[in-house]
Amino acid sequence: MSDSKPTDADSGKHNTRRSSGGARREASERVLLRRGGEEITGWTLNVSRGGVRIIVEDPLSEGDELDVQVGDDSEPVHPARVVWIKEQADGQIVGVQFLDVEGSIPPSQPPPPIE
C-alpha cells in the first residue's frame, strides 16, 4: 500500500484556481482593512497578484467592499471585495479579491460562486 496522499487529479476534482490570481506566496504581514470609516486590522496568510487571504477578529461579510493595505503605511492601498469567509473560533479567515488588477471582476458584478 502506498503512503502517498490522493491528489486533486486522483479525486476527479477540478482545479478551481483562477488564472488571474497568479502564484501565491505565504506571508505573515499586518494588513489594514478600511470599510467606510471603520478600520480592521488583520494578518495575511498568503498573497497573490489577484488577492489575499487574511485572518481577522472583527467580522466581515461576503461582498463587503474594502480598501486593503498590506504592510506599512508606505504600501499602496487596493480596492477589494470579500469573496469568501471561513468562520474560526477566534475570528474569520477571509478571501479578499483585489479589484484594481487586470482580469478582476468589476465591482458592479457579483462574485463568482465558491465551489
PDB file of N, CA and C in Angstrom:
ATOM      1  N   MET A   1       0.840  -1.162   0.000  1.00  0.00           N
ATOM      2  CA  MET A   1       0.000   0.000   0.000  1.00  0.00           C
ATOM      3  C   MET A   1       0.895   1.238   0.000  1.00  0.00           C
ATOM      4  N   SER A   2       0.507   2.244  -0.774  1.00  0.00           N
ATOM      5  CA  SER A   2       1.297   3.453  -0.937  1.00  0.00           C
ATOM      6  C   SER A   2       0.999   4.440   0.182  1.00  0.00           C
ATOM      7  N   ASP A   3       2.041   5.207   0.588  1.00  0.00           N
ATOM      8  CA  ASP A   3       1.869   6.236   1.604  1.00  0.00           C
ATOM      9  C   ASP A   3       1.493   7.582   1.004  1.00  0.00           C
ATOM     10  N   SER A   4       1.380   7.645  -0.323  1.00  0.00           N
ATOM     11  CA  SER A   4       1.093   8.941  -0.941  1.00  0.00           C
ATOM     12  C   SER A   4      -0.380   9.301  -0.766  1.00  0.00           C
ATOM     13  N   LYS A   5      -0.614  10.601  -0.638  1.00  0.00           N
ATOM     14  CA  LYS A   5      -1.972  11.104  -0.480  1.00  0.00           C
ATOM     15  C   LYS A   5      -2.583  11.318  -1.855  1.00  0.00           C
ATOM     16  N   PRO A   6      -3.907  11.171  -1.991  1.00  0.00           N
ATOM     17  CA  PRO A   6      -4.537  11.403  -3.288  1.00  0.00           C
ATOM     18  C   PRO A   6      -4.424  12.871  -3.678  1.00  0.00           C
ATOM     19  N   THR A   7      -4.254  13.111  -4.939  1.00  0.00           N
ATOM     20  CA  THR A   7      -4.200  14.480  -5.455  1.00  0.00           C
ATOM     21  C   THR A   7      -5.570  14.850  -5.992  1.00  0.00           C
ATOM     22  N   ASP A   8      -5.727  16.141  -6.364  1.00  0.00           N
ATOM     23  CA  ASP A   8      -6.983  16.575  -6.967  1.00  0.00           C
ATOM     24  C   ASP A   8      -7.259  15.777  -8.237  1.00  0.00           C
ATOM     25  N   ALA A   9      -6.207  15.467  -8.992  1.00  0.00           N
ATOM     26  CA  ALA A   9      -6.392  14.698 -10.220  1.00  0.00           C
ATOM     27  C   ALA A   9      -6.916  13.302  -9.909  1.00  0.00           C
ATOM     28  N   ASP A  10      -6.413  12.707  -8.804  1.00  0.00           N
ATOM     29  CA  ASP A  10      -6.865  11.377  -8.407  1.00  0.00           C
ATOM     30  C   ASP A  10      -8.332  11.386  -7.994  1.00  0.00           C
ATOM     31  N   SER A  11      -8.772  12.484  -7.362  1.00  0.00           N
ATOM     32  CA  SER A  11     -10.131  12.517  -6.834  1.00  0.00           C
ATOM     33  C   SER A  11     -11.153  12.965  -7.870  1.00  0.00           C
ATOM     34  N   GLY A  12     -10.658  13.397  -9.033  1.00  0.00           N
ATOM     35  CA  GLY A  12     -11.573  13.865 -10.066  1.00  0.00           C
ATOM     36  C   GLY A  12     -11.994  15.312  -9.884  1.00  0.00           C
ATOM     37  N   LYS A  13     -11.441  16.006  -8.867  1.00  0.00           N
ATOM     38  CA  LYS A  13     -11.775  17.410  -8.653  1.00  0.00           C
ATOM     39  C   LYS A  13     -11.086  18.261  -9.699  1.00  0.00           C
ATOM     40  N   HIS A  14     -11.750  19.343 -10.063  1.00  0.00           N
ATOM     41  CA  HIS A  14     -11.154  20.279 -10.992  1.00  0.00           C
ATOM     42  C   HIS A  14     -10.420  21.354 -10.209  1.00  0.00           C
ATOM     43  N   ASN A  15      -9.321  21.815 -10.765  1.00  0.00           N
ATOM     44  CA  ASN A  15      -8.592  22.904 -10.147  1.00  0.00           C
ATOM     45  C   ASN A  15      -9.397  24.184 -10.350  1.00  0.00           C
ATOM     46  N   THR A  16      -9.853  24.811  -9.267  1.00  0.00           N
ATOM     47  CA  THR A  16     -10.708  25.997  -9.371  1.00  0.00           C
ATOM     48  C   THR A  16      -9.902  27.283  -9.290  1.00  0.00           C
ATOM     49  N   ARG A  17      -8.603  27.210  -9.230  1.00  0.00           N
ATOM     50  CA  ARG A  17      -7.771  28.390  -9.145  1.00  0.00           C
ATOM     51  C   ARG A  17      -7.909  29.217 -10.420  1.00  0.00           C
ATOM     52  N   ARG A  18      -8.190  30.497 -10.256  1.00  0.00           N
ATOM     53  CA  ARG A  18      -8.364  31.364 -11.410  1.00  0.00           C
ATOM     54  C   ARG A  18      -7.010  31.807 -11.938  1.00  0.00           C
ATOM     55  N   SER A  19      -6.910  31.867 -13.265  1.00  0.00           N
ATOM     56  CA  SER A  19      -5.641  32.243 -13.875  1.00  0.00           C
ATOM     57  C   SER A  19      -5.269  33.689 -13.599  1.00  0.00           C
ATOM     58  N   SER A  20      -6.225  34.534 -13.254  1.00  0.00           N
ATOM     59  CA  SER A  20      -5.915  35.939 -12.997  1.00  0.00           C
ATOM     60  C   SER A  20      -5.216  36.139 -11.652  1.00  0.00           C
ATOM     61  N   GLY A  21      -5.246  35.119 -10.769  1.00  0.00           N
ATOM     62  CA  GLY A  21      -4.677  35.285  -9.443  1.00  0.00           C
ATOM     63  C   GLY A  21      -3.173  35.221  -9.391  1.00  0.00           C
ATOM     64  N   GLY A  22      -2.549  34.461 -10.260  1.00  0.00           N
ATOM     65  CA  GLY A  22      -1.104  34.332 -10.238  1.00  0.00           C
ATOM     66  C   GLY A  22      -0.652  33.432  -9.104  1.00  0.00           C
ATOM     67  N   ALA A  23       0.667  33.291  -8.981  1.00  0.00           N
ATOM     68  CA  ALA A  23       1.251  32.421  -7.969  1.00  0.00           C
ATOM     69  C   ALA A  23       1.056  33.018  -6.580  1.00  0.00           C
ATOM     70  N   ARG A  24       0.729  32.159  -5.643  1.00  0.00           N
ATOM     71  CA  ARG A  24       0.561  32.591  -4.259  1.00  0.00           C
ATOM     72  C   ARG A  24       1.894  32.481  -3.556  1.00  0.00           C
ATOM     73  N   ARG A  25       2.069  33.362  -2.559  1.00  0.00           N
ATOM     74  CA  ARG A  25       3.226  33.226  -1.679  1.00  0.00           C
ATOM     75  C   ARG A  25       2.743  33.325  -0.247  1.00  0.00           C
ATOM     76  N   GLU A  26       3.313  32.487   0.591  1.00  0.00           N
ATOM     77  CA  GLU A  26       2.964  32.545   2.007  1.00  0.00           C
ATOM     78  C   GLU A  26       3.446  33.876   2.564  1.00  0.00           C
ATOM     79  N   ALA A  27       2.684  34.441   3.472  1.00  0.00           N
ATOM     80  CA  ALA A  27       3.037  35.734   4.043  1.00  0.00           C
ATOM     81  C   ALA A  27       2.448  35.858   5.432  1.00  0.00           C
ATOM     82  N   SER A  28       3.089  36.645   6.256  1.00  0.00           N
ATOM     83  CA  SER A  28       2.551  36.958   7.569  1.00  0.00           C
ATOM     84  C   SER A  28       2.860  38.431   7.819  1.00  0.00           C
ATOM     85  N   GLU A  29       2.038  39.269   7.218  1.00  0.00           N
ATOM     86  CA  GLU A  29       2.219  40.711   7.338  1.00  0.00           C
ATOM     87  C   GLU A  29       0.951  41.323   7.887  1.00  0.00           C
ATOM     88  N   ARG A  30       1.118  42.435   8.567  1.00  0.00           N
ATOM     89  CA  ARG A  30      -0.032  43.179   9.066  1.00  0.00           C
ATOM     90  C   ARG A  30      -0.796  43.719   7.859  1.00  0.00           C
ATOM     91  N   VAL A  31      -2.121  43.716   7.964  1.00  0.00           N
ATOM     92  CA  VAL A  31      -2.954  44.267   6.895  1.00  0.00           C
ATOM     93  C   VAL A  31      -4.014  45.152   7.537  1.00  0.00           C
ATOM     94  N   LEU A  32      -4.253  46.301   6.898  1.00  0.00           N
ATOM     95  CA  LEU A  32      -5.268  47.223   7.374  1.00  0.00           C
ATOM     96  C   LEU A  32      -6.404  47.233   6.365  1.00  0.00           C
ATOM     97  N   LEU A  33      -7.615  46.969   6.839  1.00  0.00           N
ATOM     98  CA  LEU A  33      -8.811  46.976   6.006  1.00  0.00           C
ATOM     99  C   LEU A  33      -9.657  48.168   6.414  1.00  0.00           C
ATOM    100  N   ARG A  34     -10.064  48.954   5.443  1.00  0.00           N
ATOM    101  CA  ARG A  34     -10.945  50.089   5.721  1.00  0.00           C
ATOM    102  C   ARG A  34     -12.291  49.832   5.057  1.00  0.00           C
ATOM    103  N   ARG A  35     -13.345  49.912   5.869  1.00  0.00           N
ATOM    104  CA  ARG A  35     -14.722  49.709   5.393  1.00  0.00           C
ATOM    105  C   ARG A  35     -15.521  50.912   5.884  1.00  0.00           C
ATOM    106  N   GLY A  36     -15.793  51.849   4.940  1.00  0.00           N
ATOM    107  CA  GLY A  36     -16.407  53.105   5.369  1.00  0.00           C
ATOM    108  C   GLY A  36     -15.425  53.828   6.272  1.00  0.00           C
ATOM    109  N   GLY A  37     -15.859  54.239   7.440  1.00  0.00           N
ATOM    110  CA  GLY A  37     -14.974  54.898   8.401  1.00  0.00           C
ATOM    111  C   GLY A  37     -14.317  53.938   9.379  1.00  0.00           C
ATOM    112  N   GLU A  38     -14.598  52.644   9.255  1.00  0.00           N
ATOM    113  CA  GLU A  38     -14.098  51.634  10.192  1.00  0.00           C
ATOM    114  C   GLU A  38     -12.766  51.062   9.710  1.00  0.00           C
ATOM    115  N   GLU A  39     -11.828  50.868  10.642  1.00  0.00           N
ATOM    116  CA  GLU A  39     -10.556  50.227  10.328  1.00  0.00           C
ATOM    117  C   GLU A  39     -10.481  48.890  11.050  1.00  0.00           C
ATOM    118  N   ILE A  40     -10.116  47.846  10.301  1.00  0.00           N
ATOM    119  CA  ILE A  40      -9.997  46.494  10.835  1.00  0.00           C
ATOM    120  C   ILE A  40      -8.572  46.032  10.561  1.00  0.00           C
ATOM    121  N   THR A  41      -7.916  45.510  11.579  1.00  0.00           N
ATOM    122  CA  THR A  41      -6.560  45.010  11.426  1.00  0.00           C
ATOM    123  C   THR A  41      -6.580  43.491  11.346  1.00  0.00           C
ATOM    124  N   GLY A  42      -5.741  42.939  10.492  1.00  0.00           N
ATOM    125  CA  GLY A  42      -5.616  41.500  10.372  1.00  0.00           C
ATOM    126  C   GLY A  42      -4.196  41.134   9.991  1.00  0.00           C
ATOM    127  N   TRP A  43      -4.009  39.857   9.676  1.00  0.00           N
ATOM    128  CA  TRP A  43      -2.701  39.340   9.266  1.00  0.00           C
ATOM    129  C   TRP A  43      -2.880  38.501   8.014  1.00  0.00           C
ATOM    130  N   THR A  44      -1.966  38.660   7.075  1.00  0.00           N
ATOM    131  CA  THR A  44      -2.039  37.879   5.845  1.00  0.00           C
ATOM    132  C   THR A  44      -1.605  36.445   6.107  1.00  0.00           C
ATOM    133  N   LEU A  45      -2.209  35.527   5.383  1.00  0.00           N
ATOM    134  CA  LEU A  45      -1.779  34.129   5.376  1.00  0.00           C
ATOM    135  C   LEU A  45      -1.068  33.810   4.068  1.00  0.00           C
ATOM    136  N   ASN A  46      -1.608  34.333   2.959  1.00  0.00           N
ATOM    137  CA  ASN A  46      -0.903  34.282   1.680  1.00  0.00           C
ATOM    138  C   ASN A  46      -1.394  35.410   0.795  1.00  0.00           C
ATOM    139  N   VAL A  47      -0.552  35.752  -0.177  1.00  0.00           N
ATOM    140  CA  VAL A  47      -0.826  36.876  -1.073  1.00  0.00           C
ATOM    141  C   VAL A  47      -0.559  36.430  -2.498  1.00  0.00           C
ATOM    142  N   SER A  48      -1.417  36.843  -3.420  1.00  0.00           N
ATOM    143  CA  SER A  48      -1.179  36.629  -4.846  1.00  0.00           C
ATOM    144  C   SER A  48      -1.448  37.950  -5.564  1.00  0.00           C
ATOM    145  N   ARG A  49      -1.190  37.981  -6.843  1.00  0.00           N
ATOM    146  CA  ARG A  49      -1.432  39.193  -7.622  1.00  0.00           C
ATOM    147  C   ARG A  49      -2.908  39.580  -7.570  1.00  0.00           C
ATOM    148  N   GLY A  50      -3.801  38.594  -7.482  1.00  0.00           N
ATOM    149  CA  GLY A  50      -5.233  38.857  -7.534  1.00  0.00           C
ATOM    150  C   GLY A  50      -5.925  39.058  -6.209  1.00  0.00           C
ATOM    151  N   GLY A  51      -5.234  38.787  -5.094  1.00  0.00           N
ATOM    152  CA  GLY A  51      -5.901  38.944  -3.812  1.00  0.00           C
ATOM    153  C   GLY A  51      -5.061  38.461  -2.657  1.00  0.00           C
ATOM    154  N   VAL A  52      -5.713  38.325  -1.511  1.00  0.00           N
ATOM    155  CA  VAL A  52      -5.015  37.974  -0.284  1.00  0.00           C
ATOM    156  C   VAL A  52      -5.954  37.179   0.623  1.00  0.00           C
ATOM    157  N   ARG A  53      -5.375  36.249   1.358  1.00  0.00           N
ATOM    158  CA  ARG A  53      -6.116  35.507   2.382  1.00  0.00           C
ATOM    159  C   ARG A  53      -5.688  36.087   3.726  1.00  0.00           C
ATOM    160  N   ILE A  54      -6.667  36.495   4.534  1.00  0.00           N
ATOM    161  CA  ILE A  54      -6.408  37.257   5.752  1.00  0.00           C
ATOM    162  C   ILE A  54      -7.138  36.621   6.929  1.00  0.00           C
ATOM    163  N   ILE A  55      -6.514  36.691   8.098  1.00  0.00           N
ATOM    164  CA  ILE A  55      -7.208  36.299   9.324  1.00  0.00           C
ATOM    165  C   ILE A  55      -7.541  37.581  10.092  1.00  0.00           C
ATOM    166  N   VAL A  56      -8.821  37.697  10.494  1.00  0.00           N
ATOM    167  CA  VAL A  56      -9.310  38.879  11.217  1.00  0.00           C
ATOM    168  C   VAL A  56     -10.127  38.433  12.422  1.00  0.00           C
ATOM    169  N   GLU A  57     -10.163  39.285  13.435  1.00  0.00           N
ATOM    170  CA  GLU A  57     -11.015  39.018  14.593  1.00  0.00           C
ATOM    171  C   GLU A  57     -12.384  39.669  14.430  1.00  0.00           C
ATOM    172  N   ASP A  58     -12.421  40.845  13.803  1.00  0.00           N
ATOM    173  CA  ASP A  58     -13.683  41.563  13.596  1.00  0.00           C
ATOM    174  C   ASP A  58     -14.427  40.947  12.420  1.00  0.00           C
ATOM    175  N   PRO A  59     -15.741  40.783  12.539  1.00  0.00           N
ATOM    176  CA  PRO A  59     -16.493  40.099  11.482  1.00  0.00           C
ATOM    177  C   PRO A  59     -16.612  40.923  10.197  1.00  0.00           C
ATOM    178  N   LEU A  60     -16.475  40.227   9.080  1.00  0.00           N
ATOM    179  CA  LEU A  60     -16.718  40.775   7.747  1.00  0.00           C
ATOM    180  C   LEU A  60     -17.830  39.956   7.111  1.00  0.00           C
ATOM    181  N   SER A  61     -18.390  40.457   6.024  1.00  0.00           N
ATOM    182  CA  SER A  61     -19.436  39.738   5.297  1.00  0.00           C
ATOM    183  C   SER A  61     -19.020  39.568   3.845  1.00  0.00           C
ATOM    184  N   GLU A  62     -19.458  38.464   3.240  1.00  0.00           N
ATOM    185  CA  GLU A  62     -19.219  38.261   1.813  1.00  0.00           C
ATOM    186  C   GLU A  62     -19.786  39.440   1.051  1.00  0.00           C
ATOM    187  N   GLY A  63     -19.018  39.941   0.096  1.00  0.00           N
ATOM    188  CA  GLY A  63     -19.454  41.075  -0.704  1.00  0.00           C
ATOM    189  C   GLY A  63     -19.011  42.425  -0.162  1.00  0.00           C
ATOM    190  N   ASP A  64     -18.523  42.476   1.094  1.00  0.00           N
ATOM    191  CA  ASP A  64     -18.030  43.747   1.640  1.00  0.00           C
ATOM    192  C   ASP A  64     -16.952  44.305   0.721  1.00  0.00           C
ATOM    193  N   GLU A  65     -17.050  45.586   0.404  1.00  0.00           N
ATOM    194  CA  GLU A  65     -16.014  46.253  -0.374  1.00  0.00           C
ATOM    195  C   GLU A  65     -15.149  47.046   0.588  1.00  0.00           C
ATOM    196  N   LEU A  66     -13.836  46.895   0.425  1.00  0.00           N
ATOM    197  CA  LEU A  66     -12.864  47.422   1.371  1.00  0.00           C
ATOM    198  C   LEU A  66     -11.722  48.103   0.628  1.00  0.00           C
ATOM    199  N   ASP A  67     -10.955  48.907   1.366  1.00  0.00           N
ATOM    200  CA  ASP A  67      -9.644  49.342   0.917  1.00  0.00           C
ATOM    201  C   ASP A  67      -8.651  48.544   1.737  1.00  0.00           C
ATOM    202  N   VAL A  68      -7.693  47.898   1.051  1.00  0.00           N
ATOM    203  CA  VAL A  68      -6.754  46.987   1.705  1.00  0.00           C
ATOM    204  C   VAL A  68      -5.339  47.524   1.560  1.00  0.00           C
ATOM    205  N   GLN A  69      -4.623  47.561   2.681  1.00  0.00           N
ATOM    206  CA  GLN A  69      -3.226  47.976   2.675  1.00  0.00           C
ATOM    207  C   GLN A  69      -2.421  46.911   3.400  1.00  0.00           C
ATOM    208  N   VAL A  70      -1.582  46.203   2.654  1.00  0.00           N
ATOM    209  CA  VAL A  70      -0.744  45.144   3.215  1.00  0.00           C
ATOM    210  C   VAL A  70       0.614  45.737   3.552  1.00  0.00           C
ATOM    211  N   GLY A  71       1.052  45.558   4.800  1.00  0.00           N
ATOM    212  CA  GLY A  71       2.345  46.100   5.207  1.00  0.00           C
ATOM    213  C   GLY A  71       2.177  47.439   5.901  1.00  0.00           C
ATOM    214  N   ASP A  72       3.199  48.284   5.768  1.00  0.00           N
ATOM    215  CA  ASP A  72       3.167  49.573   6.471  1.00  0.00           C
ATOM    216  C   ASP A  72       2.487  50.661   5.642  1.00  0.00           C
ATOM    217  N   ASP A  73       2.459  51.872   6.196  1.00  0.00           N
ATOM    218  CA  ASP A  73       1.740  52.986   5.579  1.00  0.00           C
ATOM    219  C   ASP A  73       2.304  53.415   4.231  1.00  0.00           C
ATOM    220  N   SER A  74       3.516  52.986   3.890  1.00  0.00           N
ATOM    221  CA  SER A  74       4.101  53.368   2.597  1.00  0.00           C
ATOM    222  C   SER A  74       3.615  52.475   1.451  1.00  0.00           C
ATOM    223  N   GLU A  75       2.922  51.379   1.769  1.00  0.00           N
ATOM    224  CA  GLU A  75       2.445  50.445   0.749  1.00  0.00           C
ATOM    225  C   GLU A  75       1.167  50.977   0.096  1.00  0.00           C
ATOM    226  N   PRO A  76       0.914  50.578  -1.168  1.00  0.00           N
ATOM    227  CA  PRO A  76      -0.297  51.060  -1.843  1.00  0.00           C
ATOM    228  C   PRO A  76      -1.572  50.487  -1.216  1.00  0.00           C
ATOM    229  N   VAL A  77      -2.660  51.228  -1.406  1.00  0.00           N
ATOM    230  CA  VAL A  77      -3.984  50.812  -0.946  1.00  0.00           C
ATOM    231  C   VAL A  77      -4.724  50.261  -2.169  1.00  0.00           C
ATOM    232  N   HIS A  78      -5.323  49.068  -2.020  1.00  0.00           N
ATOM    233  CA  HIS A  78      -6.044  48.418  -3.109  1.00  0.00           C
ATOM    234  C   HIS A  78      -7.534  48.341  -2.799  1.00  0.00           C
ATOM    235  N   PRO A  79      -8.396  48.731  -3.741  1.00  0.00           N
ATOM    236  CA  PRO A  79      -9.822  48.451  -3.564  1.00  0.00           C
ATOM    237  C   PRO A  79     -10.019  46.942  -3.683  1.00  0.00           C
ATOM    238  N   ALA A  80     -10.889  46.381  -2.853  1.00  0.00           N
ATOM    239  CA  ALA A  80     -11.040  44.925  -2.818  1.00  0.00           C
ATOM    240  C   ALA A  80     -12.443  44.552  -2.375  1.00  0.00           C
ATOM    241  N   ARG A  81     -12.738  43.246  -2.527  1.00  0.00           N
ATOM    242  CA  ARG A  81     -14.033  42.701  -2.123  1.00  0.00           C
ATOM    243  C   ARG A  81     -13.808  41.364  -1.419  1.00  0.00           C
ATOM    244  N   VAL A  82     -14.572  41.136  -0.339  1.00  0.00           N
ATOM    245  CA  VAL A  82     -14.550  39.844   0.363  1.00  0.00           C
ATOM    246  C   VAL A  82     -15.324  38.849  -0.505  1.00  0.00           C
ATOM    247  N   VAL A  83     -14.657  37.754  -0.927  1.00  0.00           N
ATOM    248  CA  VAL A  83     -15.317  36.782  -1.800  1.00  0.00           C
ATOM    249  C   VAL A  83     -15.643  35.467  -1.093  1.00  0.00           C
ATOM    250  N   TRP A  84     -15.012  35.176   0.030  1.00  0.00           N
ATOM    251  CA  TRP A  84     -15.397  34.011   0.821  1.00  0.00           C
ATOM    252  C   TRP A  84     -14.955  34.215   2.263  1.00  0.00           C
ATOM    253  N   ILE A  85     -15.599  33.455   3.163  1.00  0.00           N
ATOM    254  CA  ILE A  85     -15.321  33.546   4.593  1.00  0.00           C
ATOM    255  C   ILE A  85     -15.340  32.147   5.188  1.00  0.00           C
ATOM    256  N   LYS A  86     -14.385  31.875   6.047  1.00  0.00           N
ATOM    257  CA  LYS A  86     -14.375  30.636   6.819  1.00  0.00           C
ATOM    258  C   LYS A  86     -14.338  31.033   8.295  1.00  0.00           C
ATOM    259  N   GLU A  87     -15.416  30.707   8.995  1.00  0.00           N
ATOM    260  CA  GLU A  87     -15.514  31.055  10.417  1.00  0.00           C
ATOM    261  C   GLU A  87     -14.515  30.224  11.228  1.00  0.00           C
ATOM    262  N   GLN A  88     -13.889  30.879  12.213  1.00  0.00           N
ATOM    263  CA  GLN A  88     -12.964  30.241  13.133  1.00  0.00           C
ATOM    264  C   GLN A  88     -13.412  30.562  14.556  1.00  0.00           C
ATOM    265  N   ALA A  89     -12.918  29.825  15.532  1.00  0.00           N
ATOM    266  CA  ALA A  89     -13.312  30.055  16.927  1.00  0.00           C
ATOM    267  C   ALA A  89     -12.922  31.464  17.385  1.00  0.00           C
ATOM    268  N   ASP A  90     -11.808  31.983  16.880  1.00  0.00           N
ATOM    269  CA  ASP A  90     -11.329  33.290  17.337  1.00  0.00           C
ATOM    270  C   ASP A  90     -11.403  34.374  16.259  1.00  0.00           C
ATOM    271  N   GLY A  91     -12.241  34.177  15.245  1.00  0.00           N
ATOM    272  CA  GLY A  91     -12.378  35.188  14.196  1.00  0.00           C
ATOM    273  C   GLY A  91     -12.779  34.554  12.874  1.00  0.00           C
ATOM    274  N   GLN A  92     -12.239  35.101  11.797  1.00  0.00           N
ATOM    275  CA  GLN A  92     -12.548  34.610  10.457  1.00  0.00           C
ATOM    276  C   GLN A  92     -11.274  34.555   9.616  1.00  0.00           C
ATOM    277  N   ILE A  93     -11.248  33.621   8.684  1.00  0.00           N
ATOM    278  CA  ILE A  93     -10.278  33.650   7.597  1.00  0.00           C
ATOM    279  C   ILE A  93     -11.075  34.082   6.385  1.00  0.00           C
ATOM    280  N   VAL A  94     -10.609  35.133   5.706  1.00  0.00           N
ATOM    281  CA  VAL A  94     -11.363  35.691   4.587  1.00  0.00           C
ATOM    282  C   VAL A  94     -10.502  35.712   3.330  1.00  0.00           C
ATOM    283  N   GLY A  95     -11.149  35.459   2.210  1.00  0.00           N
ATOM    284  CA  GLY A  95     -10.521  35.598   0.905  1.00  0.00           C
ATOM    285  C   GLY A  95     -10.944  36.931   0.328  1.00  0.00           C
ATOM    286  N   VAL A  96      -9.967  37.774   0.006  1.00  0.00           N
ATOM    287  CA  VAL A  96     -10.227  39.118  -0.484  1.00  0.00           C
ATOM    288  C   VAL A  96      -9.638  39.247  -1.881  1.00  0.00           C
ATOM    289  N   GLN A  97     -10.447  39.689  -2.816  1.00  0.00           N
ATOM    290  CA  GLN A  97     -10.025  39.850  -4.208  1.00  0.00           C
ATOM    291  C   GLN A  97      -9.739  41.317  -4.481  1.00  0.00           C
ATOM    292  N   PHE A  98      -8.539  41.608  -5.018  1.00  0.00           N
ATOM    293  CA  PHE A  98      -8.219  42.969  -5.431  1.00  0.00           C
ATOM    294  C   PHE A  98      -9.051  43.316  -6.653  1.00  0.00           C
ATOM    295  N   LEU A  99      -9.585  44.522  -6.691  1.00  0.00           N
ATOM    296  CA  LEU A  99     -10.417  44.952  -7.805  1.00  0.00           C
ATOM    297  C   LEU A  99      -9.655  45.812  -8.799  1.00  0.00           C
ATOM    298  N   ASP A 100      -8.393  46.118  -8.502  1.00  0.00           N
ATOM    299  CA  ASP A 100      -7.621  47.004  -9.362  1.00  0.00           C
ATOM    300  C   ASP A 100      -6.554  46.282 -10.172  1.00  0.00           C
ATOM    301  N   VAL A 101      -6.698  44.962 -10.355  1.00  0.00           N
ATOM    302  CA  VAL A 101      -5.749  44.215 -11.189  1.00  0.00           C
ATOM    303  C   VAL A 101      -6.459  43.742 -12.446  1.00  0.00           C
ATOM    304  N   GLU A 102      -5.707  43.614 -13.520  1.00  0.00           N
ATOM    305  CA  GLU A 102      -6.282  43.152 -14.791  1.00  0.00           C
ATOM    306  C   GLU A 102      -6.898  41.778 -14.598  1.00  0.00           C
ATOM    307  N   GLY A 103      -8.104  41.610 -15.125  1.00  0.00           N
ATOM    308  CA  GLY A 103      -8.789  40.328 -15.013  1.00  0.00           C
ATOM    309  C   GLY A 103      -9.700  40.230 -13.810  1.00  0.00           C
ATOM    310  N   SER A 104      -9.727  41.273 -12.969  1.00  0.00           N
ATOM    311  CA  SER A 104     -10.614  41.255 -11.811  1.00  0.00           C
ATOM    312  C   SER A 104     -12.060  41.434 -12.245  1.00  0.00           C
ATOM    313  N   ILE A 105     -12.955  41.025 -11.387  1.00  0.00           N
ATOM    314  CA  ILE A 105     -14.381  41.169 -11.633  1.00  0.00           C
ATOM    315  C   ILE A 105     -14.764  42.614 -11.352  1.00  0.00           C
ATOM    316  N   PRO A 106     -15.476  43.291 -12.245  1.00  0.00           N
ATOM    317  CA  PRO A 106     -15.907  44.665 -11.973  1.00  0.00           C
ATOM    318  C   PRO A 106     -16.742  44.727 -10.700  1.00  0.00           C
ATOM    319  N   PRO A 107     -16.635  45.829  -9.912  1.00  0.00           N
ATOM    320  CA  PRO A 107     -17.380  45.924  -8.648  1.00  0.00           C
ATOM    321  C   PRO A 107     -18.886  45.764  -8.813  1.00  0.00           C
ATOM    322  N   SER A 108     -19.432  46.109  -9.969  1.00  0.00           N
ATOM    323  CA  SER A 108     -20.883  46.008 -10.159  1.00  0.00           C
ATOM    324  C   SER A 108     -21.348  44.579 -10.418  1.00  0.00           C
ATOM    325  N   GLN A 109     -20.419  43.679 -10.686  1.00  0.00           N
ATOM    326  CA  GLN A 109     -20.763  42.284 -10.981  1.00  0.00           C
ATOM    327  C   GLN A 109     -20.631  41.455  -9.704  1.00  0.00           C
ATOM    328  N   PRO A 110     -21.568  40.561  -9.420  1.00  0.00           N
ATOM    329  CA  PRO A 110     -21.463  39.754  -8.200  1.00  0.00           C
ATOM    330  C   PRO A 110     -20.275  38.793  -8.287  1.00  0.00           C
ATOM    331  N   PRO A 111     -19.714  38.419  -7.123  1.00  0.00           N
ATOM    332  CA  PRO A 111     -18.591  37.495  -7.133  1.00  0.00           C
ATOM    333  C   PRO A 111     -19.020  36.116  -7.638  1.00  0.00           C
ATOM    334  N   PRO A 112     -18.053  35.341  -8.164  1.00  0.00           N
ATOM    335  CA  PRO A 112     -18.393  34.001  -8.633  1.00  0.00           C
ATOM    336  C   PRO A 112     -18.720  33.088  -7.457  1.00  0.00           C
ATOM    337  N   PRO A 113     -19.474  32.025  -7.690  1.00  0.00           N
ATOM    338  CA  PRO A 113     -19.779  31.092  -6.597  1.00  0.00           C
ATOM    339  C   PRO A 113     -18.514  30.376  -6.147  1.00  0.00           C
ATOM    340  N   ILE A 114     -18.440  30.089  -4.861  1.00  0.00           N
ATOM    341  CA  ILE A 114     -17.324  29.332  -4.297  1.00  0.00           C
ATOM    342  C   ILE A 114     -17.687  27.859  -4.370  1.00  0.00           C
ATOM    343  N   GLU A 115     -16.815  27.081  -4.955  1.00  0.00           N
ATOM    344  CA  GLU A 115     -17.085  25.643  -5.097  1.00  0.00           C
ATOM    345  C   GLU A 115     -16.340  24.855  -4.068  1.00  0.00           C
TER     346      GLU A 115
END
